[in-house]
Protein backbone atom coordinates (compact mmCIF):
# COMPACT_ATOMS: atom_id res chain seq x y z
CA MET A 1 -24.36 -6.35 -12.78
CA ALA A 2 -28.16 -4.66 -12.27
CA SER A 3 -30.56 -7.43 -14.67
CA THR A 4 -32.30 -5.08 -17.67
CA PRO A 5 -36.04 -4.25 -17.14
CA SER A 6 -38.70 -6.39 -19.13
CA ARG A 7 -40.87 -2.84 -20.41
CA ALA A 8 -38.75 0.52 -21.24
CA THR A 9 -40.56 4.06 -19.40
CA ALA A 10 -41.37 6.43 -22.49
CA LEU A 11 -41.48 10.09 -22.93
CA VAL A 12 -43.87 10.11 -26.03
CA GLN A 13 -45.66 12.62 -27.89
CA THR A 14 -49.86 12.73 -29.01
CA GLY A 15 -49.45 15.56 -30.70
CA PRO A 16 -48.88 19.48 -31.19
CA ARG A 17 -47.30 20.04 -27.67
CA GLU A 18 -48.10 17.18 -26.14
CA VAL A 19 -46.60 14.77 -24.30
CA ARG A 20 -46.79 11.47 -21.40
CA PHE A 21 -45.64 9.20 -20.40
CA GLU A 22 -46.06 4.94 -21.38
CA GLN A 23 -44.49 1.95 -20.92
CA PHE A 24 -43.66 -0.02 -23.89
CA PRO A 25 -42.03 -4.05 -23.29
CA LEU A 26 -38.56 -4.72 -24.08
CA PRO A 27 -37.80 -6.25 -28.09
CA VAL A 28 -37.00 -9.38 -28.68
CA LEU A 29 -33.54 -8.86 -30.58
CA GLU A 30 -33.19 -11.08 -34.06
CA PRO A 31 -29.75 -11.43 -34.81
CA GLY A 32 -27.74 -7.94 -35.30
CA ALA A 33 -30.24 -5.96 -33.27
CA ALA A 34 -29.53 -4.51 -30.17
CA LEU A 35 -31.19 -2.56 -26.67
CA LEU A 36 -29.15 0.51 -25.85
CA ARG A 37 -29.71 2.21 -22.85
CA VAL A 38 -29.88 6.20 -22.83
CA GLU A 39 -27.23 7.60 -20.80
CA ALA A 40 -28.47 11.12 -22.78
CA ASN A 41 -30.05 12.93 -25.45
CA GLY A 42 -28.44 16.95 -27.07
CA LEU A 43 -31.83 19.27 -27.79
CA CYS A 44 -31.16 20.91 -31.57
CA ALA A 45 -33.38 23.42 -33.41
CA SER A 46 -35.64 20.59 -35.70
CA ASP A 47 -36.64 19.72 -31.73
CA ILE A 48 -38.88 22.53 -32.08
CA ASP A 49 -40.46 21.74 -35.06
CA SER A 50 -40.70 18.34 -33.93
CA TRP A 51 -42.47 19.49 -30.84
CA GLU A 52 -44.85 21.90 -33.02
CA VAL A 53 -45.30 20.22 -35.48
CA LYS A 54 -43.84 22.24 -38.52
CA HIS A 55 -41.81 19.45 -40.74
CA SER A 56 -42.21 18.54 -43.37
CA ALA A 57 -41.20 14.37 -42.53
CA TYR A 58 -44.31 13.39 -43.23
CA GLU A 59 -46.13 11.90 -45.99
CA PRO A 60 -49.56 13.68 -47.02
CA GLY A 61 -52.40 12.29 -44.73
CA VAL A 62 -49.36 10.46 -42.10
CA SER A 63 -49.77 10.71 -38.83
CA PRO A 64 -46.74 11.51 -36.63
CA PHE A 65 -48.49 10.29 -33.88
CA PRO A 66 -48.08 8.52 -31.09
CA ARG A 67 -44.10 8.63 -31.43
CA ILE A 68 -41.15 8.86 -28.43
CA ASN A 69 -38.72 11.99 -29.54
CA GLY A 70 -35.28 12.32 -29.44
CA HIS A 71 -32.43 11.71 -31.80
CA GLU A 72 -29.43 13.11 -30.41
CA ILE A 73 -29.12 10.00 -28.22
CA VAL A 74 -25.99 8.10 -26.16
CA GLY A 75 -25.87 5.01 -24.64
CA ILE A 76 -24.51 1.40 -23.26
CA VAL A 77 -25.02 -1.43 -24.92
CA GLU A 78 -26.89 -3.20 -22.04
CA ASP A 79 -28.66 -6.33 -25.26
CA VAL A 80 -27.82 -7.71 -28.42
CA GLY A 81 -29.28 -10.66 -30.64
CA VAL A 82 -27.90 -14.11 -31.37
CA GLY A 83 -24.08 -14.12 -33.31
CA PRO A 84 -22.68 -10.59 -32.93
CA ARG A 85 -22.50 -7.38 -34.43
CA SER A 86 -20.71 -6.23 -38.00
CA ASP A 87 -19.64 -3.28 -36.13
CA GLY A 88 -18.11 -5.38 -33.67
CA VAL A 89 -20.10 -3.23 -30.79
CA ARG A 90 -20.83 -5.66 -27.49
CA VAL A 91 -22.75 -5.34 -24.74
CA GLY A 92 -21.54 -2.45 -22.30
CA ASP A 93 -19.90 -0.56 -24.97
CA ARG A 94 -21.34 3.70 -24.80
CA VAL A 95 -22.26 4.51 -28.11
CA ALA A 96 -24.09 7.33 -30.70
CA VAL A 97 -26.52 6.15 -32.09
CA ASN A 98 -26.41 7.80 -35.82
CA PRO A 99 -30.31 8.83 -36.62
CA PHE A 100 -29.94 7.97 -40.10
CA LEU A 101 -31.44 4.37 -41.17
CA GLY A 102 -31.22 2.96 -44.51
CA CYS A 103 -31.44 0.30 -46.50
CA GLY A 104 -27.27 0.06 -47.45
CA ARG A 105 -27.94 -1.17 -51.22
CA CYS A 106 -29.53 2.22 -52.65
CA ASP A 107 -26.67 4.36 -54.31
CA ALA A 108 -27.18 7.42 -52.00
CA CYS A 109 -26.46 4.47 -48.57
CA ARG A 110 -23.58 3.55 -51.21
CA GLU A 111 -22.19 6.54 -50.88
CA GLY A 112 -22.57 7.66 -47.20
CA ALA A 113 -25.48 9.01 -47.89
CA ILE A 114 -28.25 7.76 -45.54
CA ILE A 115 -30.52 10.30 -45.37
CA ARG A 116 -31.83 10.63 -48.57
CA CYS A 117 -32.02 6.66 -48.42
CA ALA A 118 -34.29 5.22 -51.11
CA GLY A 119 -34.88 1.67 -50.11
CA TRP A 120 -36.03 2.26 -46.03
CA PRO A 121 -39.42 0.34 -46.31
CA PHE A 122 -41.45 3.92 -44.37
CA ARG A 123 -40.41 7.34 -43.39
CA PRO A 124 -38.74 9.19 -42.24
CA ASN A 125 -36.23 7.14 -41.39
CA ALA A 126 -34.78 8.12 -38.48
CA TYR A 127 -34.48 7.57 -34.65
CA GLY A 128 -36.82 10.05 -32.92
CA TYR A 129 -39.51 11.19 -35.71
CA ILE A 130 -40.88 7.25 -36.57
CA PRO A 131 -43.98 6.86 -34.81
CA THR A 132 -44.57 3.75 -32.14
CA ARG A 133 -46.98 1.95 -34.56
CA HIS A 134 -43.47 0.90 -35.99
CA ALA A 135 -42.47 -2.31 -34.25
CA PRO A 136 -41.14 -2.66 -31.67
CA ALA A 137 -42.20 1.74 -31.54
CA LEU A 138 -39.04 2.23 -28.62
CA TRP A 139 -37.28 4.46 -31.89
CA GLY A 140 -37.01 8.43 -30.12
CA GLY A 141 -33.91 9.16 -27.43
CA TYR A 142 -36.82 9.98 -24.56
CA SER A 143 -37.15 6.91 -23.03
CA THR A 144 -35.05 4.75 -20.66
CA HIS A 145 -33.72 2.07 -23.37
CA VAL A 146 -33.97 2.05 -27.43
CA TYR A 147 -34.21 -0.33 -30.05
CA ILE A 148 -31.91 -0.36 -31.96
CA HIS A 149 -32.28 -1.99 -35.33
CA PRO A 150 -29.32 -3.73 -37.42
CA ASN A 151 -28.71 -1.22 -40.08
CA ALA A 152 -28.69 1.15 -37.61
CA ILE A 153 -24.93 2.43 -37.43
CA LEU A 154 -23.32 3.08 -33.86
CA HIS A 155 -20.44 5.13 -33.01
CA PRO A 156 -18.76 3.88 -29.65
CA PHE A 157 -16.43 6.44 -27.20
CA PRO A 158 -14.16 5.19 -24.56
CA GLU A 159 -15.53 4.61 -21.19
CA SER A 160 -14.25 7.45 -20.74
CA THR A 161 -15.52 9.97 -22.23
CA ASP A 162 -18.53 11.68 -20.92
CA PRO A 163 -21.75 10.93 -22.46
CA LEU A 164 -22.60 14.48 -21.65
CA ASP A 165 -20.02 15.49 -23.74
CA ALA A 166 -20.78 12.70 -26.75
CA THR A 167 -24.19 14.03 -27.44
CA LEU A 168 -21.22 16.97 -28.98
CA TRP A 169 -21.05 14.58 -31.65
CA ASN A 170 -24.12 15.37 -33.30
CA PRO A 171 -23.84 18.79 -33.71
CA LEU A 172 -20.08 19.27 -35.10
CA ALA A 173 -21.22 15.90 -37.57
CA ALA A 174 -22.70 18.64 -39.08
CA ALA A 175 -20.25 21.45 -38.78
CA ILE A 176 -17.41 18.94 -40.38
CA ASP A 177 -19.68 18.98 -43.29
CA TRP A 178 -20.17 22.19 -43.55
CA ALA A 179 -17.24 23.81 -42.78
CA VAL A 180 -14.39 20.73 -43.58
CA THR A 181 -16.05 18.46 -46.25
CA THR A 182 -18.08 20.77 -47.92
CA PRO A 183 -15.97 23.45 -48.87
CA GLY A 184 -12.85 21.09 -48.96
CA THR A 185 -11.40 23.01 -46.08
CA THR A 186 -7.55 21.80 -45.04
CA ILE A 187 -4.09 22.98 -43.61
CA GLY A 188 -3.55 26.78 -44.77
CA THR A 189 -7.37 27.56 -45.32
CA SER A 190 -8.47 31.06 -44.48
CA ILE A 191 -12.40 30.22 -43.14
CA ALA A 192 -15.30 32.76 -41.20
CA ILE A 193 -17.53 31.31 -39.89
CA LEU A 194 -21.35 33.29 -39.49
CA GLY A 195 -23.10 32.27 -36.03
CA CYS A 196 -22.17 31.28 -32.77
CA GLY A 197 -24.93 29.00 -31.53
CA GLN A 198 -24.08 24.86 -30.95
CA ARG A 199 -23.20 24.63 -34.41
CA GLY A 200 -20.84 27.77 -34.84
CA LEU A 201 -19.03 27.05 -32.58
CA ALA A 202 -18.74 23.21 -33.64
CA ALA A 203 -17.52 24.56 -36.43
CA VAL A 204 -15.23 26.60 -35.06
CA VAL A 205 -13.98 23.00 -33.44
CA ALA A 206 -13.96 21.27 -37.01
CA ALA A 207 -12.47 23.63 -38.95
CA LYS A 208 -9.64 23.88 -36.11
CA ALA A 209 -9.28 20.58 -36.03
CA ALA A 210 -9.25 19.87 -39.93
CA GLY A 211 -5.56 22.84 -39.80
CA ALA A 212 -7.52 25.63 -41.35
CA ASP A 213 -4.78 28.39 -40.80
CA THR A 214 -7.24 31.75 -40.03
CA ILE A 215 -10.31 31.48 -38.50
CA LEU A 216 -12.50 34.49 -38.26
CA ALA A 217 -16.29 33.73 -36.09
CA THR A 218 -19.29 36.46 -35.70
CA GLY A 219 -21.28 36.67 -33.48
CA LEU A 220 -24.37 39.52 -31.84
CA SER A 221 -23.45 41.48 -28.57
CA ARG A 222 -25.27 39.28 -26.62
CA ASP A 223 -23.63 36.66 -27.83
CA ARG A 224 -20.43 37.41 -26.09
CA HIS A 225 -20.00 34.55 -23.82
CA LYS A 226 -20.30 32.31 -27.44
CA LEU A 227 -17.23 34.64 -28.72
CA ASP A 228 -15.49 34.23 -26.05
CA LEU A 229 -16.22 30.06 -26.36
CA ALA A 230 -15.61 30.27 -30.56
CA LYS A 231 -11.66 31.49 -29.09
CA GLU A 232 -11.12 29.37 -26.39
CA PHE A 233 -12.20 26.35 -29.37
CA GLY A 234 -9.13 28.28 -32.03
CA ALA A 235 -10.62 30.88 -33.44
CA ASP A 236 -8.17 33.82 -33.35
CA VAL A 237 -10.68 36.52 -34.47
CA VAL A 238 -14.02 37.33 -33.11
CA VAL A 239 -16.25 40.09 -34.79
CA ASP A 240 -19.12 41.55 -32.78
CA VAL A 241 -21.46 42.89 -35.67
CA GLU A 242 -23.87 45.24 -33.41
CA THR A 243 -20.10 47.23 -32.94
CA GLU A 244 -17.75 45.88 -34.96
CA ASP A 245 -17.54 46.06 -38.78
CA LEU A 246 -17.27 42.94 -40.20
CA ARG A 247 -15.68 44.37 -43.08
CA ASP A 248 -13.57 45.67 -41.77
CA ALA A 249 -12.47 43.08 -39.44
CA ALA A 250 -11.83 40.90 -43.05
CA HIS A 251 -10.22 43.14 -45.27
CA LEU A 252 -7.73 43.18 -41.46
CA THR A 253 -7.57 39.74 -40.92
CA THR A 254 -6.50 38.69 -44.74
CA GLY A 255 -4.60 40.89 -46.30
CA GLY A 256 -7.33 42.34 -47.68
CA ARG A 257 -7.90 38.98 -50.21
CA GLY A 258 -10.40 37.45 -48.54
CA PHE A 259 -11.38 33.90 -47.14
CA ASP A 260 -11.07 31.05 -48.61
CA VAL A 261 -13.94 30.09 -46.97
CA VAL A 262 -17.06 31.35 -45.81
CA LEU A 263 -19.49 29.27 -43.41
CA ASP A 264 -23.41 31.13 -42.85
CA THR A 265 -24.83 29.19 -40.36
CA SER A 266 -27.00 31.83 -39.43
CA PRO A 267 -30.90 31.12 -39.01
CA HIS A 268 -33.67 33.21 -40.50
CA ALA A 269 -31.12 35.86 -40.72
CA THR A 270 -30.66 36.93 -44.33
CA GLY A 271 -27.60 39.74 -43.87
CA PRO A 272 -25.55 36.96 -42.75
CA LEU A 273 -25.24 35.15 -46.68
CA LEU A 274 -24.86 38.49 -48.33
CA ASP A 275 -22.35 39.01 -46.11
CA ALA A 276 -20.86 36.18 -47.20
CA LEU A 277 -20.86 36.75 -50.32
CA ASP A 278 -18.71 40.08 -49.70
CA ILE A 279 -16.23 38.88 -47.38
CA VAL A 280 -15.32 35.67 -48.95
CA ARG A 281 -12.29 36.24 -51.16
CA THR A 282 -12.72 35.96 -55.27
CA GLY A 283 -13.03 32.10 -56.13
CA GLY A 284 -13.70 31.25 -52.47
CA THR A 285 -16.78 29.10 -51.74
CA VAL A 286 -19.60 30.24 -48.92
CA VAL A 287 -21.94 27.38 -47.86
CA SER A 288 -25.23 28.78 -46.53
CA ALA A 289 -26.25 25.99 -44.03
CA GLY A 290 -28.76 28.34 -41.59
CA LEU A 291 -32.53 27.84 -43.06
CA LYS A 292 -33.84 31.10 -44.29
CA THR A 293 -37.69 30.32 -44.39
CA ARG A 294 -37.72 32.65 -46.74
CA PRO A 295 -36.67 34.58 -50.21
CA ILE A 296 -33.74 37.37 -49.99
CA GLU A 297 -35.14 40.03 -52.37
CA ASN A 298 -32.24 41.51 -55.35
CA PHE A 299 -29.91 39.25 -54.05
CA PRO A 300 -26.77 39.93 -55.89
CA ILE A 301 -26.04 36.75 -58.17
CA ASP A 302 -24.01 38.64 -60.32
CA LEU A 303 -22.12 38.62 -57.77
CA LEU A 304 -21.50 34.81 -57.79
CA THR A 305 -19.63 35.95 -61.52
CA LEU A 306 -17.83 38.44 -61.73
CA LYS A 307 -16.15 37.07 -57.92
CA ASN A 308 -16.25 33.10 -60.03
CA ILE A 309 -17.85 31.76 -56.04
CA ARG A 310 -19.19 29.37 -55.02
CA LEU A 311 -22.34 28.98 -53.34
CA ILE A 312 -22.87 25.59 -51.71
CA GLY A 313 -25.94 24.23 -49.61
CA CYS A 314 -25.03 22.33 -47.18
CA GLY A 315 -27.91 20.38 -44.44
CA GLY A 316 -27.32 16.94 -42.13
CA SER A 317 -24.11 14.46 -42.24
CA SER A 318 -22.39 11.69 -43.45
CA VAL A 319 -21.11 8.70 -42.57
CA GLN A 320 -17.79 9.08 -42.76
CA SER A 321 -18.43 13.09 -40.66
CA TYR A 322 -20.06 11.35 -38.14
CA GLN A 323 -17.34 8.46 -37.27
CA GLN A 324 -14.87 11.75 -37.62
CA ALA A 325 -16.77 13.29 -34.90
CA ALA A 326 -16.90 10.56 -32.93
CA GLY A 327 -12.97 10.74 -32.83
CA ILE A 328 -12.82 14.61 -31.81
CA VAL A 329 -15.41 13.97 -29.39
CA ALA A 330 -12.82 10.80 -27.44
CA SER A 331 -9.41 13.07 -28.30
CA GLY A 332 -9.97 15.43 -25.84
CA ARG A 333 -8.75 17.98 -27.53
CA PHE A 334 -11.08 20.45 -27.23
CA PRO A 335 -12.99 20.99 -23.95
CA LEU A 336 -16.46 20.56 -25.52
CA GLY A 337 -18.35 20.18 -21.96
CA ARG A 338 -18.09 24.17 -22.28
CA MET A 339 -20.38 24.82 -24.54
CA ARG A 340 -23.15 22.98 -21.90
CA THR A 341 -25.41 25.11 -19.90
CA HIS A 342 -28.25 22.91 -19.53
CA VAL A 343 -28.85 19.47 -18.67
CA LEU A 344 -32.78 18.84 -18.18
CA GLY A 345 -34.46 15.60 -16.49
CA PHE A 346 -37.61 14.20 -19.45
CA ASP A 347 -40.02 16.29 -16.56
CA ARG A 348 -38.34 19.62 -18.12
CA LEU A 349 -38.40 18.69 -21.68
CA GLU A 350 -41.06 21.95 -22.60
CA TYR A 351 -38.70 24.20 -20.61
CA GLY A 352 -35.45 22.89 -23.13
CA ILE A 353 -37.72 23.54 -25.84
CA GLU A 354 -38.25 27.13 -25.03
CA LEU A 355 -34.59 27.30 -24.14
CA LEU A 356 -33.84 26.60 -27.02
CA ARG A 357 -36.32 28.97 -28.68
CA GLY A 358 -35.08 31.86 -26.83
CA ASP A 359 -37.53 32.47 -24.53
CA HIS A 360 -35.60 32.58 -21.95
CA PRO A 361 -32.45 34.77 -23.13
CA GLU A 362 -30.86 34.97 -19.40
CA GLU A 363 -30.49 31.90 -19.57
CA ARG A 364 -28.13 32.17 -21.86
CA PRO A 365 -29.04 28.39 -23.67
CA ILE A 366 -25.87 26.74 -25.21
CA ASN A 367 -25.90 23.53 -25.35
CA ILE A 368 -28.99 21.53 -23.93
CA VAL A 369 -28.92 17.46 -22.41
CA ILE A 370 -32.31 15.73 -21.82
CA THR A 371 -31.61 12.70 -19.53
CA PRO A 372 -33.97 9.78 -18.50
CA THR A 373 -34.01 11.27 -15.34
CA MET A 374 -36.68 13.12 -13.09
CA SER A 375 -35.41 16.94 -12.82
CA VAL A 376 -35.25 17.83 -9.06
CA ALA A 377 -36.87 20.88 -8.37
């Protein structure tokens, strides 16, 4: 087995849209800690905000720089501190890293909602967001190695699991919370999923795995390839909302009853949330997971009362959903790799952000993976 190098090479963000390569010494590992050799990172919409510094994860007056981004991390455990980890993970295991770090003692941590941990000593409490001034600096996936804190939660995969496929574990965990856990989707549930981006497609997988009886997925005309994937993943009906009438499709699909659950994953656009209220059944549940960034004028609030609708906002993922997602990925039941459209080296990060932002629609991006390599020109 090749020896572990003494230093890690990382892509460090030093300001808005500014990065440079730096080297850091590998940490001396305390009991329970580990060192991860990074294989791949998934790129998600929050990475755009990190790149452009548009998020509010940092307290006023606290600089978010320099830091190593990358929070959808998959890699091989290369070293562990003295004594075994409590989760049984060993050197050589392929794992995904839960992005959130918790104290393990507060109410949120005990409930599995470590995203809301009240006891972690600094903010943000997430890989890919912690500045390098916090020792040992290696808190992000855009590096050859990542420091695994003793409290970090690792999710192992079989050796046979493709590490590129494993990066989809993160969006799938969110989809499980949004499409299944929060609304209570189970065997026999009918669900409409509005939006067929990476997380919308993951929601189709999550709903199918949970036993949903009827799944409808929507997209735009330019999303035809995504709608085709939704069918592959288990959607019974797909609707191009620019050329087809969603209300008619919902009426036909449910026999006029409406859907038990409607999940809106569409970012920015407010129309889909209004559509959700229209096509959900009386007494049904609407889950809003797509950030709109602006208010909805003339919101039909009375419709919630008249139809007895549960409207729930949902963001982030629980420890339990991450565990379930890892199991689905490892099972190989779904061809998740069909979502992967781009694999880029560290030096192509900015291009990956552009793809994600929609600057190159002709590329038809869905799942973008960043690896600790240099891309071939």
